[in-house]
C-alpha atoms as a PDB file:
ATOM      1  CA  UNK A   1       0.132  -0.191   0.296  1.00  0.00           C
ATOM      2  CA  UNK A   2       1.252   3.438  -0.912  1.00  0.00           C
ATOM      3  CA  UNK A   3       0.435   6.470   1.054  1.00  0.00           C
ATOM      4  CA  UNK A   4      -1.322   9.636  -0.337  1.00  0.00           C
ATOM      5  CA  UNK A   5       0.867  12.137   1.507  1.00  0.00           C
ATOM      6  CA  UNK A   6       3.778  11.771  -0.752  1.00  0.00           C
ATOM      7  CA  UNK A   7       5.419  10.018  -3.794  1.00  0.00           C
ATOM      8  CA  UNK A   8       7.262   6.972  -2.224  1.00  0.00           C
ATOM      9  CA  UNK A   9      10.963   7.003  -1.824  1.00  0.00           C
ATOM     10  CA  UNK A  10      11.018  10.461  -1.155  1.00  0.00           C
ATOM     11  CA  UNK A  11      14.076  11.484   0.658  1.00  0.00           C
ATOM     12  CA  UNK A  12      13.409  13.439   3.726  1.00  0.00           C
ATOM     13  CA  UNK A  13      16.073  16.461   2.883  1.00  0.00           C
ATOM     14  CA  UNK A  14      15.371  20.149   3.655  1.00  0.00           C
ATOM     15  CA  UNK A  15      14.805  22.623   1.256  1.00  0.00           C
ATOM     16  CA  UNK A  16      18.165  24.715   0.410  1.00  0.00           C
ATOM     17  CA  UNK A  17      16.276  27.705   1.358  1.00  0.00           C
ATOM     18  CA  UNK A  18      15.976  26.468   4.873  1.00  0.00           C
ATOM     19  CA  UNK A  19      19.356  24.833   5.492  1.00  0.00           C
ATOM     20  CA  UNK A  20      20.572  28.508   4.190  1.00  0.00           C
ATOM     21  CA  UNK A  21      18.351  30.484   6.609  1.00  0.00           C
ATOM     22  CA  UNK A  22      19.430  28.205   9.331  1.00  0.00           C
ATOM     23  CA  UNK A  23      22.898  28.657   8.806  1.00  0.00           C
ATOM     24  CA  UNK A  24      22.994  32.589   8.229  1.00  0.00           C
ATOM     25  CA  UNK A  25      20.791  32.639  11.725  1.00  0.00           C
ATOM     26  CA  UNK A  26      22.539  30.736  13.664  1.00  0.00           C
ATOM     27  CA  UNK A  27      26.028  32.508  12.289  1.00  0.00           C
ATOM     28  CA  UNK A  28      24.812  35.680  13.613  1.00  0.00           C
ATOM     29  CA  UNK A  29      23.466  34.232  16.693  1.00  0.00           C
ATOM     30  CA  UNK A  30      26.546  33.155  17.482  1.00  0.00           C
ATOM     31  CA  UNK A  31      28.130  36.686  16.398  1.00  0.00           C
ATOM     32  CA  UNK A  32      25.755  38.365  18.694  1.00  0.00           C
ATOM     33  CA  UNK A  33      27.133  35.841  21.730  1.00  0.00           C
ATOM     34  CA  UNK A  34      30.398  36.558  21.163  1.00  0.00           C
ATOM     35  CA  UNK A  35      29.989  40.231  21.178  1.00  0.00           C
ATOM     36  CA  UNK A  36      27.743  40.223  24.774  1.00  0.00           C
ATOM     37  CA  UNK A  37      30.380  37.932  26.409  1.00  0.00           C
ATOM     38  CA  UNK A  38      32.705  40.243  25.043  1.00  0.00           C
ATOM     39  CA  UNK A  39      31.268  43.415  26.566  1.00  0.00           C
ATOM     40  CA  UNK A  40      30.396  41.670  29.937  1.00  0.00           C
ATOM     41  CA  UNK A  41      33.892  40.733  30.333  1.00  0.00           C
ATOM     42  CA  UNK A  42      35.342  44.010  29.767  1.00  0.00           C
END
């Protein structure tokens, strides 16, 4: 039996824009964390 939710054998990979967006957001968040730690440490 095949499910009606999608074609069989479809890989569960994320779209490229989601992967790129997550990468950019993580990088920016890391930069903000470094800046906060730098300001707190003097």
